């Protein structure tokens, strides 16, 4: 199947850069409301053509569209993709809210089309190895997990930092999908959440010197209760200078897994067992795939094989529901039940197996 990019900004460079190493995807076109930006992207990465969004959606040579438009319009632009008869793979989040995301899935079902969504980093070798260790009972029965992220302030690394403090953003919506998707892949769906958020009293200014006033929390703390009964803590911050806490820990009755930053799919996986009390690096037992490619590759293979794909719209909808419910819990100071559920995506085969 042939793939087109809707949106030719920095995310387009990221996807095409990853596609250069060990990726089977055939990108044939890119589009942007800024035609010059699309032309620049197509020339740099050798795509067949650059065009307007309207021409991309009308192009019969494009089978799958990767939606890299701004997050606030993922819902309406995703609908345009589906109504043009194309399979949709969205950058996270799937839509601005659960209502819009649900509309996307209903539209796709009515048209017999697939919806996939980033992040696909849970398909990388580190997190697929963790999945096999959990499924094989290497940590016993999982009862808890913890997540910690202290990012450098967006105004220190992004030329347009203000949107990171706006609606549909903040550390929860910007970085939360990476962590939450890994947790759901390992532990299953979330049943209910509670949370708190705050804005650190510090000055924020963009490169032009203009003051930035956050409209969402910039330091967010949540508690998740999974349908399995396991519980997890979640701390995500744009305000902290740093953290020595591990990105993800998964606690079971016989041991604990220490997992790397889920913004990528690689890294070391360590296991500490109750009877040994030392951290031992675990060999990667699953090959995984190149992130920003693996999810789309699996979607295309699933269409051809007639099976569910792993980085699915249903999974992305549930992760979006977790984030939206956490924000509701923060504002209402209450425990909020989830409105959606999902199946754990199938694990990838172990290395050497078919």
Protein backbone atom coordinates (compact mmCIF):
# COMPACT_ATOMS: atom_id res chain seq x y z
CA UNK A 1 0.00 0.00 0.00
CA UNK A 2 1.11 3.54 -0.75
CA UNK A 3 1.31 6.16 1.99
CA UNK A 4 0.83 9.93 1.91
CA UNK A 5 1.57 12.56 4.56
CA UNK A 6 -1.05 15.17 5.39
CA UNK A 7 1.06 17.91 6.95
CA UNK A 8 4.70 18.59 6.06
CA UNK A 9 6.15 20.22 9.18
CA UNK A 10 8.64 18.89 11.72
CA UNK A 11 6.64 15.70 12.30
CA UNK A 12 6.85 14.93 8.58
CA UNK A 13 10.65 15.10 8.78
CA UNK A 14 10.57 12.78 11.81
CA UNK A 15 8.43 10.14 10.09
CA UNK A 16 10.42 10.20 6.86
CA UNK A 17 13.76 10.19 8.67
CA UNK A 18 12.76 7.04 10.56
CA UNK A 19 11.52 5.48 7.31
CA UNK A 20 15.06 5.61 5.93
CA UNK A 21 16.29 2.84 8.25
CA UNK A 22 14.84 -0.65 7.95
CA UNK A 23 11.30 0.47 7.10
CA UNK A 24 9.16 -1.06 4.35
CA UNK A 25 6.73 1.84 3.95
CA UNK A 26 6.29 3.37 0.52
CA UNK A 27 5.74 7.09 0.94
CA UNK A 28 4.62 8.56 -2.38
CA UNK A 29 3.28 12.06 -1.58
CA UNK A 30 3.08 14.81 1.01
CA UNK A 31 0.71 17.74 1.33
CA UNK A 32 0.48 20.97 3.24
CA UNK A 33 -1.50 24.19 3.13
CA UNK A 34 1.95 25.73 2.61
CA UNK A 35 2.82 24.24 -0.79
CA UNK A 36 6.45 25.36 -0.55
CA UNK A 37 6.92 23.45 2.70
CA UNK A 38 5.48 20.31 1.12
CA UNK A 39 7.75 20.71 -1.91
CA UNK A 40 10.79 21.06 0.33
CA UNK A 41 9.90 17.89 2.25
CA UNK A 42 9.26 15.90 -0.94
CA UNK A 43 12.58 16.97 -2.44
CA UNK A 44 14.59 16.19 0.68
CA UNK A 45 13.21 12.67 1.06
CA UNK A 46 12.62 11.75 -2.58
CA UNK A 47 8.82 11.56 -2.56
CA UNK A 48 7.09 11.39 -5.94
CA UNK A 49 5.07 14.56 -5.46
CA UNK A 50 4.05 17.43 -3.20
CA UNK A 51 0.53 18.82 -3.37
CA UNK A 52 -2.32 20.53 -1.58
CA UNK A 53 -4.35 18.60 1.03
CA UNK A 54 -7.31 18.46 -1.37
CA UNK A 55 -5.23 16.85 -4.11
CA UNK A 56 -3.70 14.33 -1.70
CA UNK A 57 -7.13 13.16 -0.55
CA UNK A 58 -8.32 12.88 -4.16
CA UNK A 59 -5.21 10.97 -5.29
CA UNK A 60 -6.09 7.35 -6.21
CA UNK A 61 -2.42 6.41 -5.81
CA UNK A 62 -2.58 7.02 -2.02
CA UNK A 63 -4.08 4.22 0.10
CA UNK A 64 -3.12 5.28 3.64
CA UNK A 65 -2.87 8.86 4.93
CA UNK A 66 -0.74 9.77 7.93
CA UNK A 67 -2.40 12.75 9.60
CA UNK A 68 0.27 15.18 10.82
CA UNK A 69 -1.94 18.27 10.99
CA UNK A 70 -2.06 20.27 14.27
CA UNK A 71 -3.48 18.27 17.18
CA UNK A 72 -6.48 20.56 17.59
CA UNK A 73 -7.80 19.58 14.14
CA UNK A 74 -6.99 15.86 14.15
CA UNK A 75 -10.70 15.08 14.41
CA UNK A 76 -12.02 17.05 11.43
CA UNK A 77 -9.02 16.35 9.19
CA UNK A 78 -9.21 12.66 10.08
CA UNK A 79 -12.84 12.63 8.99
CA UNK A 80 -11.83 14.17 5.65
CA UNK A 81 -9.32 11.37 5.15
CA UNK A 82 -11.89 8.66 5.84
CA UNK A 83 -14.56 10.31 3.69
CA UNK A 84 -12.04 10.32 0.85
CA UNK A 85 -11.88 6.52 1.16
CA UNK A 86 -8.38 6.34 2.67
CA UNK A 87 -7.20 4.38 5.67
CA UNK A 88 -6.14 6.76 8.46
CA UNK A 89 -3.09 6.71 10.72
CA UNK A 90 -3.08 9.69 13.07
CA UNK A 91 -0.36 11.35 15.05
CA UNK A 92 -1.30 11.47 18.73
CA UNK A 93 -3.76 12.34 20.07
CA UNK A 94 -6.34 10.70 17.81
CA UNK A 95 -8.59 13.76 18.19
CA UNK A 96 -8.99 16.77 20.45
CA UNK A 97 -11.51 14.94 22.64
CA UNK A 98 -13.23 11.59 23.13
CA UNK A 99 -16.38 12.67 21.29
CA UNK A 100 -14.48 13.50 18.11
CA UNK A 101 -12.35 10.36 18.36
CA UNK A 102 -15.46 8.22 18.67
CA UNK A 103 -16.88 9.86 15.56
CA UNK A 104 -13.74 8.90 13.64
CA UNK A 105 -14.06 5.24 14.63
CA UNK A 106 -17.76 5.11 13.71
CA UNK A 107 -17.05 6.69 10.32
CA UNK A 108 -14.26 4.20 9.63
CA UNK A 109 -16.44 1.24 10.60
CA UNK A 110 -19.26 2.41 8.34
CA UNK A 111 -16.83 2.69 5.41
CA UNK A 112 -14.85 -0.49 6.07
CA UNK A 113 -11.64 1.44 6.68
CA UNK A 114 -8.91 1.18 9.31
CA UNK A 115 -7.87 3.79 11.87
CA UNK A 116 -4.49 3.62 13.54
CA UNK A 117 -2.73 6.11 15.78
CA UNK A 118 0.62 6.97 17.30
CA UNK A 119 2.45 6.35 19.47
CA UNK A 120 3.77 3.04 18.18
CA UNK A 121 6.81 3.04 20.46
CA UNK A 122 5.20 0.26 22.51
CA UNK A 123 6.00 -1.94 19.49
CA UNK A 124 9.73 -1.29 19.91
CA UNK A 125 12.02 -4.06 21.18
CA UNK A 126 12.28 -2.80 24.77
CA UNK A 127 8.55 -2.67 25.40
CA UNK A 128 7.75 -5.85 23.50
CA UNK A 129 10.40 -7.59 25.60
CA UNK A 130 8.68 -6.22 28.71
CA UNK A 131 5.35 -7.48 27.39
CA UNK A 132 6.72 -11.00 26.95
CA UNK A 133 8.27 -10.93 30.43
CA UNK A 134 4.95 -9.87 31.96
CA UNK A 135 2.96 -12.43 29.96
CA UNK A 136 5.43 -15.18 30.88
CA UNK A 137 4.95 -14.42 34.59
CA UNK A 138 8.55 -13.32 35.14
CA UNK A 139 7.41 -10.69 37.66
CA UNK A 140 4.49 -12.70 39.01
CA UNK A 141 1.08 -11.04 39.19
CA UNK A 142 1.35 -7.34 38.38
CA UNK A 143 -0.25 -5.17 41.06
CA UNK A 144 1.31 -1.75 40.48
CA UNK A 145 3.29 0.57 38.24
CA UNK A 146 4.76 4.07 38.30
CA UNK A 147 5.55 6.69 35.65
CA UNK A 148 7.76 9.77 36.06
CA UNK A 149 8.65 12.45 33.51
CA UNK A 150 10.41 15.76 34.15
CA UNK A 151 10.86 17.45 30.78
CA UNK A 152 12.97 20.43 30.00
CA UNK A 153 10.73 23.48 29.68
CA UNK A 154 9.28 23.76 26.13
CA UNK A 155 10.45 27.38 25.82
CA UNK A 156 14.03 26.08 26.07
CA UNK A 157 13.81 23.73 23.08
CA UNK A 158 10.88 24.66 20.82
CA UNK A 159 10.62 27.77 18.60
CA UNK A 160 6.86 28.03 19.29
CA UNK A 161 6.41 26.92 22.91
CA UNK A 162 3.06 28.59 23.71
CA UNK A 163 0.87 25.76 22.28
CA UNK A 164 2.49 23.31 24.71
CA UNK A 165 0.72 25.18 27.52
CA UNK A 166 -2.65 25.39 25.75
CA UNK A 167 -5.79 23.26 25.50
CA UNK A 168 -5.12 19.72 24.34
CA UNK A 169 -1.50 20.00 25.48
CA UNK A 170 0.38 20.31 28.75
CA UNK A 171 2.65 17.42 29.76
CA UNK A 172 -0.30 15.02 30.03
CA UNK A 173 -1.58 15.38 26.46
CA UNK A 174 1.83 16.03 24.90
CA UNK A 175 3.84 13.22 26.49
CA UNK A 176 1.24 11.16 28.33
CA UNK A 177 0.28 9.01 25.31
CA UNK A 178 3.74 7.40 25.20
CA UNK A 179 3.56 6.27 28.82
CA UNK A 180 -0.14 5.42 28.94
CA UNK A 181 -0.01 3.35 25.75
CA UNK A 182 2.83 1.26 27.22
CA UNK A 183 0.88 0.76 30.46
CA UNK A 184 -2.28 -0.33 28.65
CA UNK A 185 -0.24 -2.69 26.45
CA UNK A 186 1.28 -4.27 29.56
CA UNK A 187 -1.59 -4.12 32.07
CA UNK A 188 -4.79 -3.80 30.02
CA UNK A 189 -7.49 -1.12 30.13
CA UNK A 190 -7.92 1.50 32.85
CA UNK A 191 -11.15 1.48 34.88
CA UNK A 192 -11.04 4.78 36.80
CA UNK A 193 -8.70 7.66 37.59
CA UNK A 194 -8.04 10.46 40.05
CA UNK A 195 -5.64 13.35 39.67
CA UNK A 196 -4.35 16.78 40.57
CA UNK A 197 -2.56 19.46 38.58
CA UNK A 198 -0.82 22.74 39.22
CA UNK A 199 1.10 25.50 37.45
CA UNK A 200 4.48 26.30 38.96
CA UNK A 201 4.84 30.02 39.80
CA UNK A 202 7.60 30.83 37.33
CA UNK A 203 7.96 33.16 34.36
CA UNK A 204 7.49 31.69 30.89
CA UNK A 205 8.44 33.59 27.73
CA UNK A 206 8.71 32.61 24.08
CA UNK A 207 11.69 33.41 21.81
CA UNK A 208 10.04 36.76 20.98
CA UNK A 209 9.91 37.69 24.66
CA UNK A 210 6.11 37.44 24.85
CA UNK A 211 4.78 36.11 28.15
CA UNK A 212 3.18 32.65 28.13
CA UNK A 213 0.23 32.04 30.45
CA UNK A 214 -0.63 28.32 30.73
CA UNK A 215 -4.31 27.45 30.36
CA UNK A 216 -3.76 23.85 31.51
CA UNK A 217 -1.66 22.38 34.35
CA UNK A 218 2.06 22.25 33.66
CA UNK A 219 2.73 19.73 36.47
CA UNK A 220 0.22 16.84 36.58
CA UNK A 221 -0.15 13.90 38.95
CA UNK A 222 -2.58 11.03 38.50
CA UNK A 223 -3.57 7.67 39.91
CA UNK A 224 -4.90 4.95 37.61
CA UNK A 225 -6.86 1.89 38.62
CA UNK A 226 -6.83 -0.81 35.95
CA UNK A 227 -9.65 -3.25 35.26
CA UNK A 228 -7.25 -5.98 36.44
CA UNK A 229 -7.07 -4.34 39.88
CA UNK A 230 -3.52 -3.05 39.44
CA UNK A 231 -2.88 0.60 40.33
CA UNK A 232 -0.34 3.05 38.89
CA UNK A 233 0.96 6.51 39.71
CA UNK A 234 1.68 9.08 37.02
CA UNK A 235 3.75 12.27 37.38
CA UNK A 236 4.38 14.42 34.29
CA UNK A 237 5.97 17.85 34.47
CA UNK A 238 7.07 20.77 32.29
CA UNK A 239 8.30 22.56 35.43
CA UNK A 240 10.75 20.27 37.24
CA UNK A 241 14.49 20.76 36.62
CA UNK A 242 15.02 17.01 36.47
CA UNK A 243 14.20 13.68 38.06
CA UNK A 244 16.15 10.63 39.19
CA UNK A 245 12.98 8.53 39.14
CA UNK A 246 12.87 5.83 36.44
CA UNK A 247 10.57 6.48 33.45
CA UNK A 248 8.43 3.38 34.08
CA UNK A 249 8.46 0.69 36.75
CA UNK A 250 6.14 -2.34 36.74
CA UNK A 251 5.74 -4.13 40.08
CA UNK A 252 4.72 -7.78 40.38
CA UNK A 253 4.51 -10.29 43.21
CA UNK A 254 7.91 -11.80 42.36
CA UNK A 255 9.79 -8.89 40.81
CA UNK A 256 9.93 -5.41 39.30
CA UNK A 257 10.68 -4.31 35.74
CA UNK A 258 12.57 -1.08 35.06
CA UNK A 259 11.76 0.27 31.58
CA UNK A 260 13.33 3.05 29.46
CA UNK A 261 11.88 6.29 28.11
CA UNK A 262 8.90 5.30 25.90
CA UNK A 263 9.43 8.25 23.55
CA UNK A 264 11.58 5.71 21.68
CA UNK A 265 11.18 1.97 21.34
CA UNK A 266 14.66 0.86 22.36
CA UNK A 267 16.73 0.90 25.52
CA UNK A 268 17.59 -1.48 28.33
CA UNK A 269 15.04 -3.50 30.30
CA UNK A 270 16.05 -4.50 33.84
CA UNK A 271 14.48 -7.04 36.19
CA UNK A 272 14.85 -7.11 39.98
CA UNK A 273 13.47 -10.24 41.67
CA UNK A 274 12.45 -10.44 45.31
CA UNK A 275 14.75 -13.40 45.89
CA UNK A 276 17.86 -11.71 44.40
CA UNK A 277 17.49 -7.98 45.06
CA UNK A 278 19.72 -6.92 42.17
CA UNK A 279 18.93 -5.35 38.81
CA UNK A 280 19.70 -7.65 35.89
CA UNK A 281 19.49 -6.45 32.28
CA UNK A 282 17.22 -8.63 30.18
CA UNK A 283 18.04 -9.56 26.58
CA UNK A 284 15.57 -8.28 24.01
CA UNK A 285 13.40 -11.27 23.16
CA UNK A 286 11.24 -9.48 20.59
CA UNK A 287 12.60 -7.73 17.52
CA UNK A 288 10.07 -4.93 17.50
CA UNK A 289 10.22 -2.34 14.76
CA UNK A 290 11.47 1.14 13.92
CA UNK A 291 9.18 3.56 15.73
CA UNK A 292 7.15 5.97 13.57
CA UNK A 293 7.11 3.10 11.05
CA UNK A 294 6.11 -0.01 13.02
CA UNK A 295 2.53 1.07 13.70
CA UNK A 296 1.81 1.93 10.07
CA UNK A 297 3.58 -1.19 8.80
CA UNK A 298 1.51 -3.33 11.16
CA UNK A 299 -1.72 -1.59 10.07
CA UNK A 300 -0.96 -2.33 6.41
CA UNK A 301 0.01 -5.94 7.16
CA UNK A 302 -3.16 -6.39 9.23
CA UNK A 303 -5.34 -5.20 6.34
CA UNK A 304 -3.66 -7.70 4.02
CA UNK A 305 -3.86 -10.52 6.58
CA UNK A 306 -7.38 -9.76 7.81
CA UNK A 307 -6.45 -9.38 11.49
CA UNK A 308 -6.64 -6.54 14.05
CA UNK A 309 -3.77 -4.05 13.94
CA UNK A 310 -1.94 -3.19 17.14
CA UNK A 311 -1.63 0.63 17.22
CA UNK A 312 -5.38 0.84 16.77
CA UNK A 313 -7.89 3.63 16.94
CA UNK A 314 -9.63 1.78 19.78
CA UNK A 315 -6.42 1.78 21.82
CA UNK A 316 -5.84 5.47 21.05
CA UNK A 317 -9.43 6.32 21.99
CA UNK A 318 -8.99 4.62 25.37
CA UNK A 319 -5.71 6.46 26.05
CA UNK A 320 -7.42 9.74 25.11
CA UNK A 321 -10.25 8.84 27.50
CA UNK A 322 -7.70 8.28 30.29
CA UNK A 323 -6.18 11.72 29.72
CA UNK A 324 -9.50 13.53 29.38
CA UNK A 325 -10.81 11.77 32.51
CA UNK A 326 -7.68 12.75 34.45
CA UNK A 327 -8.23 16.39 33.54
CA UNK A 328 -11.88 16.04 34.62
CA UNK A 329 -10.74 14.51 37.91
CA UNK A 330 -8.32 17.40 38.44
CA UNK A 331 -11.00 20.04 37.95
CA UNK A 332 -13.75 18.21 39.87
CA UNK A 333 -11.49 16.73 42.58
CA UNK A 334 -13.24 13.40 42.20
CA UNK A 335 -12.62 9.84 41.06
CA UNK A 336 -13.73 9.54 37.43
CA UNK A 337 -14.70 6.23 35.77
CA UNK A 338 -13.55 5.62 32.21
CA UNK A 339 -16.17 5.65 29.44
CA UNK A 340 -14.24 3.32 27.13
CA UNK A 341 -12.27 0.10 27.25
CA UNK A 342 -10.07 -1.85 24.86
CA UNK A 343 -8.29 -5.15 24.41
CA UNK A 344 -4.57 -5.34 24.95
CA UNK A 345 -2.94 -5.29 21.50
CA UNK A 346 -1.41 -8.64 20.58
CA UNK A 347 2.26 -9.02 21.45
CA UNK A 348 4.74 -9.25 18.60
CA UNK A 349 6.32 -12.68 18.06
CA UNK A 350 9.56 -13.38 19.86
CA UNK A 351 12.77 -13.25 17.84
CA UNK A 352 13.07 -16.24 15.51
CA UNK A 353 9.38 -17.15 15.67
CA UNK A 354 6.87 -16.65 12.90
